[in-house]
């Protein structure tokens, strides 16, 4: 019983450290390529509405635990 509690605590702390050090993931909609090409005029493009053109979004654990929003990476 104690082994499982210690293991859960170690894994939980590791996850929190991971959230702190790596808060961003590639955007699930644009997959890190924020400039999407137009379907009719291929030279035209627009930025992804979900990530605001950064290509990144916060990790789910960071949103759920309310760890605050760090500065987004520059595009």
PDB file of N, CA and C in Angstrom:
ATOM      1  N   UNK A   1       0.819  -1.195   0.000  1.00  0.00           N
ATOM      2  CA  UNK A   1       0.000   0.000   0.000  1.00  0.00           C
ATOM      3  C   UNK A   1       0.862   1.259   0.000  1.00  0.00           C
ATOM      4  N   UNK A   2       1.869   1.303   0.850  1.00  0.00           N
ATOM      5  CA  UNK A   2       2.743   2.470   0.925  1.00  0.00           C
ATOM      6  C   UNK A   2       3.519   2.667  -0.368  1.00  0.00           C
ATOM      7  N   UNK A   3       3.900   1.550  -0.996  1.00  0.00           N
ATOM      8  CA  UNK A   3       4.644   1.629  -2.251  1.00  0.00           C
ATOM      9  C   UNK A   3       3.837   2.384  -3.305  1.00  0.00           C
ATOM     10  N   UNK A   4       2.560   2.093  -3.431  1.00  0.00           N
ATOM     11  CA  UNK A   4       1.704   2.725  -4.437  1.00  0.00           C
ATOM     12  C   UNK A   4       1.504   4.208  -4.146  1.00  0.00           C
ATOM     13  N   UNK A   5       1.401   4.553  -2.875  1.00  0.00           N
ATOM     14  CA  UNK A   5       1.265   5.972  -2.524  1.00  0.00           C
ATOM     15  C   UNK A   5       2.534   6.755  -2.859  1.00  0.00           C
ATOM     16  N   UNK A   6       3.673   6.162  -2.563  1.00  0.00           N
ATOM     17  CA  UNK A   6       4.949   6.814  -2.870  1.00  0.00           C
ATOM     18  C   UNK A   6       5.129   6.932  -4.377  1.00  0.00           C
ATOM     19  N   UNK A   7       4.787   5.865  -5.097  1.00  0.00           N
ATOM     20  CA  UNK A   7       4.895   5.889  -6.551  1.00  0.00           C
ATOM     21  C   UNK A   7       3.975   6.958  -7.145  1.00  0.00           C
ATOM     22  N   UNK A   8       2.753   7.049  -6.670  1.00  0.00           N
ATOM     23  CA  UNK A   8       1.807   8.055  -7.155  1.00  0.00           C
ATOM     24  C   UNK A   8       2.319   9.462  -6.847  1.00  0.00           C
ATOM     25  N   UNK A   9       2.890   9.664  -5.672  1.00  0.00           N
ATOM     26  CA  UNK A   9       3.423  10.975  -5.304  1.00  0.00           C
ATOM     27  C   UNK A   9       4.600  11.360  -6.200  1.00  0.00           C
ATOM     28  N   UNK A  10       5.484  10.419  -6.464  1.00  0.00           N
ATOM     29  CA  UNK A  10       6.644  10.694  -7.325  1.00  0.00           C
ATOM     30  C   UNK A  10       6.196  11.003  -8.755  1.00  0.00           C
ATOM     31  N   UNK A  11       5.276  10.207  -9.281  1.00  0.00           N
ATOM     32  CA  UNK A  11       4.778  10.455 -10.630  1.00  0.00           C
ATOM     33  C   UNK A  11       4.013  11.781 -10.711  1.00  0.00           C
ATOM     34  N   UNK A  12       3.228  12.096  -9.692  1.00  0.00           N
ATOM     35  CA  UNK A  12       2.504  13.360  -9.660  1.00  0.00           C
ATOM     36  C   UNK A  12       3.443  14.552  -9.628  1.00  0.00           C
ATOM     37  N   UNK A  13       4.484  14.467  -8.829  1.00  0.00           N
ATOM     38  CA  UNK A  13       5.467  15.557  -8.763  1.00  0.00           C
ATOM     39  C   UNK A  13       6.200  15.700 -10.095  1.00  0.00           C
ATOM     40  N   UNK A  14       6.513  14.581 -10.717  1.00  0.00           N
ATOM     41  CA  UNK A  14       7.159  14.620 -12.028  1.00  0.00           C
ATOM     42  C   UNK A  14       6.278  15.301 -13.068  1.00  0.00           C
ATOM     43  N   UNK A  15       4.988  15.010 -13.009  1.00  0.00           N
ATOM     44  CA  UNK A  15       4.050  15.632 -13.947  1.00  0.00           C
ATOM     45  C   UNK A  15       3.953  17.137 -13.704  1.00  0.00           C
ATOM     46  N   UNK A  16       3.911  17.548 -12.444  1.00  0.00           N
ATOM     47  CA  UNK A  16       3.859  18.978 -12.132  1.00  0.00           C
ATOM     48  C   UNK A  16       5.116  19.709 -12.595  1.00  0.00           C
ATOM     49  N   UNK A  17       6.265  19.081 -12.421  1.00  0.00           N
ATOM     50  CA  UNK A  17       7.518  19.683 -12.900  1.00  0.00           C
ATOM     51  C   UNK A  17       7.486  19.787 -14.421  1.00  0.00           C
ATOM     52  N   UNK A  18       6.975  18.752 -15.079  1.00  0.00           N
ATOM     53  CA  UNK A  18       6.861  18.764 -16.536  1.00  0.00           C
ATOM     54  C   UNK A  18       5.938  19.878 -17.007  1.00  0.00           C
ATOM     55  N   UNK A  19       4.811  20.088 -16.319  1.00  0.00           N
ATOM     56  CA  UNK A  19       3.899  21.176 -16.675  1.00  0.00           C
ATOM     57  C   UNK A  19       4.568  22.527 -16.499  1.00  0.00           C
ATOM     58  N   UNK A  20       5.374  22.649 -15.481  1.00  0.00           N
ATOM     59  CA  UNK A  20       6.043  23.921 -15.182  1.00  0.00           C
ATOM     60  C   UNK A  20       7.120  24.236 -16.226  1.00  0.00           C
ATOM     61  N   UNK A  21       7.881  23.221 -16.613  1.00  0.00           N
ATOM     62  CA  UNK A  21       8.989  23.425 -17.540  1.00  0.00           C
ATOM     63  C   UNK A  21       8.553  23.446 -19.001  1.00  0.00           C
ATOM     64  N   UNK A  22       7.503  22.711 -19.346  1.00  0.00           N
ATOM     65  CA  UNK A  22       7.036  22.602 -20.723  1.00  0.00           C
ATOM     66  C   UNK A  22       5.537  22.874 -20.787  1.00  0.00           C
ATOM     67  N   UNK A  23       5.130  24.142 -20.679  1.00  0.00           N
ATOM     68  CA  UNK A  23       3.696  24.442 -20.607  1.00  0.00           C
ATOM     69  C   UNK A  23       2.981  24.404 -21.958  1.00  0.00           C
ATOM     70  N   UNK A  24       3.705  24.388 -23.055  1.00  0.00           N
ATOM     71  CA  UNK A  24       3.086  24.506 -24.373  1.00  0.00           C
ATOM     72  C   UNK A  24       3.177  23.206 -25.165  1.00  0.00           C
ATOM     73  N   UNK A  25       2.176  22.965 -26.000  1.00  0.00           N
ATOM     74  CA  UNK A  25       2.179  21.878 -26.983  1.00  0.00           C
ATOM     75  C   UNK A  25       1.764  22.482 -28.324  1.00  0.00           C
ATOM     76  N   UNK A  26       1.997  21.738 -29.403  1.00  0.00           N
ATOM     77  CA  UNK A  26       1.567  22.211 -30.720  1.00  0.00           C
ATOM     78  C   UNK A  26       0.044  22.287 -30.737  1.00  0.00           C
ATOM     79  N   UNK A  27      -0.464  23.298 -31.387  1.00  0.00           N
ATOM     80  CA  UNK A  27      -1.911  23.502 -31.481  1.00  0.00           C
ATOM     81  C   UNK A  27      -2.567  22.276 -32.121  1.00  0.00           C
ATOM     82  N   UNK A  28      -3.668  21.841 -31.546  1.00  0.00           N
ATOM     83  CA  UNK A  28      -4.335  20.645 -32.048  1.00  0.00           C
ATOM     84  C   UNK A  28      -5.053  20.892 -33.372  1.00  0.00           C
ATOM     85  N   UNK A  29      -5.357  22.122 -33.673  1.00  0.00           N
ATOM     86  CA  UNK A  29      -6.043  22.420 -34.934  1.00  0.00           C
ATOM     87  C   UNK A  29      -5.048  22.598 -36.087  1.00  0.00           C
ATOM     88  N   UNK A  30      -4.038  23.449 -35.900  1.00  0.00           N
ATOM     89  CA  UNK A  30      -3.108  23.734 -37.001  1.00  0.00           C
ATOM     90  C   UNK A  30      -1.820  22.915 -36.916  1.00  0.00           C
ATOM     91  N   UNK A  31      -1.636  22.185 -35.825  1.00  0.00           N
ATOM     92  CA  UNK A  31      -0.469  21.328 -35.612  1.00  0.00           C
ATOM     93  C   UNK A  31       0.860  22.083 -35.723  1.00  0.00           C
ATOM     94  N   UNK A  32       0.871  23.286 -35.191  1.00  0.00           N
ATOM     95  CA  UNK A  32       2.101  24.068 -35.133  1.00  0.00           C
ATOM     96  C   UNK A  32       2.388  24.888 -36.373  1.00  0.00           C
ATOM     97  N   UNK A  33       1.522  24.853 -37.370  1.00  0.00           N
ATOM     98  CA  UNK A  33       1.699  25.654 -38.583  1.00  0.00           C
ATOM     99  C   UNK A  33       0.541  26.645 -38.655  1.00  0.00           C
ATOM    100  N   UNK A  34       0.675  27.807 -37.983  1.00  0.00           N
ATOM    101  CA  UNK A  34      -0.458  28.709 -37.784  1.00  0.00           C
ATOM    102  C   UNK A  34      -0.980  29.397 -39.036  1.00  0.00           C
ATOM    103  N   UNK A  35      -0.229  29.402 -40.110  1.00  0.00           N
ATOM    104  CA  UNK A  35      -0.710  30.056 -41.328  1.00  0.00           C
ATOM    105  C   UNK A  35      -1.289  29.007 -42.260  1.00  0.00           C
ATOM    106  N   UNK A  36      -2.595  28.971 -42.310  1.00  0.00           N
ATOM    107  CA  UNK A  36      -3.276  28.013 -43.167  1.00  0.00           C
ATOM    108  C   UNK A  36      -3.524  28.634 -44.534  1.00  0.00           C
ATOM    109  N   UNK A  37      -3.313  27.861 -45.570  1.00  0.00           N
ATOM    110  CA  UNK A  37      -3.528  28.326 -46.941  1.00  0.00           C
ATOM    111  C   UNK A  37      -5.013  28.332 -47.272  1.00  0.00           C
ATOM    112  N   UNK A  38      -5.398  29.273 -48.110  1.00  0.00           N
ATOM    113  CA  UNK A  38      -6.776  29.331 -48.571  1.00  0.00           C
ATOM    114  C   UNK A  38      -7.071  28.180 -49.519  1.00  0.00           C
ATOM    115  N   UNK A  39      -8.282  27.715 -49.546  1.00  0.00           N
ATOM    116  CA  UNK A  39      -8.607  26.574 -50.397  1.00  0.00           C
ATOM    117  C   UNK A  39      -8.850  26.987 -51.844  1.00  0.00           C
ATOM    118  N   UNK A  40      -9.207  28.247 -52.059  1.00  0.00           N
ATOM    119  CA  UNK A  40      -9.465  28.689 -53.427  1.00  0.00           C
ATOM    120  C   UNK A  40      -8.257  29.436 -53.996  1.00  0.00           C
ATOM    121  N   UNK A  41      -7.778  30.427 -53.263  1.00  0.00           N
ATOM    122  CA  UNK A  41      -6.595  31.175 -53.679  1.00  0.00           C
ATOM    123  C   UNK A  41      -5.433  30.688 -52.821  1.00  0.00           C
ATOM    124  N   UNK A  42      -4.598  29.861 -53.390  1.00  0.00           N
ATOM    125  CA  UNK A  42      -3.555  29.187 -52.621  1.00  0.00           C
ATOM    126  C   UNK A  42      -2.483  30.137 -52.085  1.00  0.00           C
ATOM    127  N   UNK A  43      -2.341  31.316 -52.665  1.00  0.00           N
ATOM    128  CA  UNK A  43      -1.337  32.256 -52.174  1.00  0.00           C
ATOM    129  C   UNK A  43      -1.822  32.998 -50.924  1.00  0.00           C
ATOM    130  N   UNK A  44      -3.134  32.984 -50.682  1.00  0.00           N
ATOM    131  CA  UNK A  44      -3.700  33.663 -49.520  1.00  0.00           C
ATOM    132  C   UNK A  44      -3.614  32.749 -48.296  1.00  0.00           C
ATOM    133  N   UNK A  45      -3.500  33.340 -47.139  1.00  0.00           N
ATOM    134  CA  UNK A  45      -3.456  32.548 -45.909  1.00  0.00           C
ATOM    135  C   UNK A  45      -4.093  33.338 -44.774  1.00  0.00           C
ATOM    136  N   UNK A  46      -4.419  32.634 -43.723  1.00  0.00           N
ATOM    137  CA  UNK A  46      -4.947  33.266 -42.517  1.00  0.00           C
ATOM    138  C   UNK A  46      -4.373  32.534 -41.310  1.00  0.00           C
ATOM    139  N   UNK A  47      -4.425  33.193 -40.159  1.00  0.00           N
ATOM    140  CA  UNK A  47      -3.870  32.569 -38.963  1.00  0.00           C
ATOM    141  C   UNK A  47      -4.912  31.682 -38.302  1.00  0.00           C
ATOM    142  N   UNK A  48      -4.456  30.722 -37.566  1.00  0.00           N
ATOM    143  CA  UNK A  48      -5.329  29.784 -36.864  1.00  0.00           C
ATOM    144  C   UNK A  48      -6.111  30.534 -35.780  1.00  0.00           C
ATOM    145  N   UNK A  49      -7.409  30.307 -35.736  1.00  0.00           N
ATOM    146  CA  UNK A  49      -8.252  30.988 -34.754  1.00  0.00           C
ATOM    147  C   UNK A  49      -8.093  30.401 -33.356  1.00  0.00           C
ATOM    148  N   UNK A  50      -7.727  29.143 -33.250  1.00  0.00           N
ATOM    149  CA  UNK A  50      -7.629  28.500 -31.938  1.00  0.00           C
ATOM    150  C   UNK A  50      -6.406  28.978 -31.158  1.00  0.00           C
ATOM    151  N   UNK A  51      -5.256  29.082 -31.827  1.00  0.00           N
ATOM    152  CA  UNK A  51      -4.026  29.461 -31.121  1.00  0.00           C
ATOM    153  C   UNK A  51      -3.646  30.926 -31.333  1.00  0.00           C
ATOM    154  N   UNK A  52      -4.385  31.631 -32.173  1.00  0.00           N
ATOM    155  CA  UNK A  52      -4.085  33.041 -32.412  1.00  0.00           C
ATOM    156  C   UNK A  52      -2.826  33.272 -33.220  1.00  0.00           C
ATOM    157  N   UNK A  53      -2.397  32.282 -33.968  1.00  0.00           N
ATOM    158  CA  UNK A  53      -1.226  32.432 -34.816  1.00  0.00           C
ATOM    159  C   UNK A  53       0.095  32.070 -34.171  1.00  0.00           C
ATOM    160  N   UNK A  54       0.074  31.579 -32.957  1.00  0.00           N
ATOM    161  CA  UNK A  54       1.336  31.201 -32.312  1.00  0.00           C
ATOM    162  C   UNK A  54       1.749  29.780 -32.659  1.00  0.00           C
ATOM    163  N   UNK A  55       0.798  28.922 -33.032  1.00  0.00           N
ATOM    164  CA  UNK A  55       1.109  27.524 -33.313  1.00  0.00           C
ATOM    165  C   UNK A  55       1.200  26.684 -32.052  1.00  0.00           C
ATOM    166  N   UNK A  56       0.965  27.300 -30.902  1.00  0.00           N
ATOM    167  CA  UNK A  56       1.086  26.612 -29.618  1.00  0.00           C
ATOM    168  C   UNK A  56      -0.181  26.812 -28.798  1.00  0.00           C
ATOM    169  N   UNK A  57      -0.454  25.876 -27.898  1.00  0.00           N
ATOM    170  CA  UNK A  57      -1.539  26.034 -26.934  1.00  0.00           C
ATOM    171  C   UNK A  57      -1.087  25.445 -25.609  1.00  0.00           C
ATOM    172  N   UNK A  58      -1.714  25.887 -24.527  1.00  0.00           N
ATOM    173  CA  UNK A  58      -1.357  25.393 -23.199  1.00  0.00           C
ATOM    174  C   UNK A  58      -1.718  23.924 -23.053  1.00  0.00           C
ATOM    175  N   UNK A  59      -0.918  23.198 -22.291  1.00  0.00           N
ATOM    176  CA  UNK A  59      -1.221  21.806 -22.013  1.00  0.00           C
ATOM    177  C   UNK A  59      -2.474  21.709 -21.154  1.00  0.00           C
ATOM    178  N   UNK A  60      -3.200  20.616 -21.307  1.00  0.00           N
ATOM    179  CA  UNK A  60      -4.467  20.420 -20.611  1.00  0.00           C
ATOM    180  C   UNK A  60      -4.283  20.482 -19.087  1.00  0.00           C
ATOM    181  N   UNK A  61      -3.258  19.842 -18.566  1.00  0.00           N
ATOM    182  CA  UNK A  61      -3.021  19.837 -17.125  1.00  0.00           C
ATOM    183  C   UNK A  61      -2.804  21.235 -16.569  1.00  0.00           C
ATOM    184  N   UNK A  62      -2.187  22.081 -17.354  1.00  0.00           N
ATOM    185  CA  UNK A  62      -1.942  23.445 -16.911  1.00  0.00           C
ATOM    186  C   UNK A  62      -3.254  24.228 -16.808  1.00  0.00           C
ATOM    187  N   UNK A  63      -4.173  23.973 -17.742  1.00  0.00           N
ATOM    188  CA  UNK A  63      -5.475  24.626 -17.700  1.00  0.00           C
ATOM    189  C   UNK A  63      -6.304  24.099 -16.531  1.00  0.00           C
ATOM    190  N   UNK A  64      -6.318  22.789 -16.363  1.00  0.00           N
ATOM    191  CA  UNK A  64      -7.149  22.157 -15.335  1.00  0.00           C
ATOM    192  C   UNK A  64      -6.694  22.546 -13.938  1.00  0.00           C
ATOM    193  N   UNK A  65      -5.391  22.554 -13.705  1.00  0.00           N
ATOM    194  CA  UNK A  65      -4.866  22.852 -12.383  1.00  0.00           C
ATOM    195  C   UNK A  65      -4.768  24.349 -12.112  1.00  0.00           C
ATOM    196  N   UNK A  66      -5.000  25.178 -13.127  1.00  0.00           N
ATOM    197  CA  UNK A  66      -4.957  26.634 -12.939  1.00  0.00           C
ATOM    198  C   UNK A  66      -3.601  27.142 -12.543  1.00  0.00           C
ATOM    199  N   UNK A  67      -2.569  26.691 -13.224  1.00  0.00           N
ATOM    200  CA  UNK A  67      -1.203  27.098 -12.884  1.00  0.00           C
ATOM    201  C   UNK A  67      -0.818  28.445 -13.467  1.00  0.00           C
ATOM    202  N   UNK A  68      -1.744  29.129 -14.074  1.00  0.00           N
ATOM    203  CA  UNK A  68      -1.443  30.439 -14.629  1.00  0.00           C
ATOM    204  C   UNK A  68      -0.984  30.324 -16.067  1.00  0.00           C
ATOM    205  N   UNK A  69      -1.005  31.424 -16.755  1.00  0.00           N
ATOM    206  CA  UNK A  69      -0.634  31.447 -18.148  1.00  0.00           C
ATOM    207  C   UNK A  69       0.728  32.100 -18.311  1.00  0.00           C
ATOM    208  N   UNK A  70       1.733  31.359 -18.765  1.00  0.00           N
ATOM    209  CA  UNK A  70       3.030  31.964 -19.041  1.00  0.00           C
ATOM    210  C   UNK A  70       2.961  32.752 -20.348  1.00  0.00           C
ATOM    211  N   UNK A  71       3.998  33.466 -20.653  1.00  0.00           N
ATOM    212  CA  UNK A  71       4.050  34.198 -21.925  1.00  0.00           C
ATOM    213  C   UNK A  71       4.061  33.200 -23.076  1.00  0.00           C
ATOM    214  N   UNK A  72       3.240  33.428 -24.095  1.00  0.00           N
ATOM    215  CA  UNK A  72       3.245  32.512 -25.237  1.00  0.00           C
ATOM    216  C   UNK A  72       4.554  32.644 -26.014  1.00  0.00           C
ATOM    217  N   UNK A  73       4.973  31.564 -26.674  1.00  0.00           N
ATOM    218  CA  UNK A  73       6.197  31.640 -27.469  1.00  0.00           C
ATOM    219  C   UNK A  73       5.999  32.562 -28.660  1.00  0.00           C
ATOM    220  N   UNK A  74       7.064  33.175 -29.096  1.00  0.00           N
ATOM    221  CA  UNK A  74       6.943  34.088 -30.241  1.00  0.00           C
ATOM    222  C   UNK A  74       6.807  33.275 -31.523  1.00  0.00           C
ATOM    223  N   UNK A  75       5.983  33.747 -32.463  1.00  0.00           N
ATOM    224  CA  UNK A  75       5.729  32.987 -33.696  1.00  0.00           C
ATOM    225  C   UNK A  75       6.900  32.935 -34.612  1.00  0.00           C
TER     226      UNK A  75
END
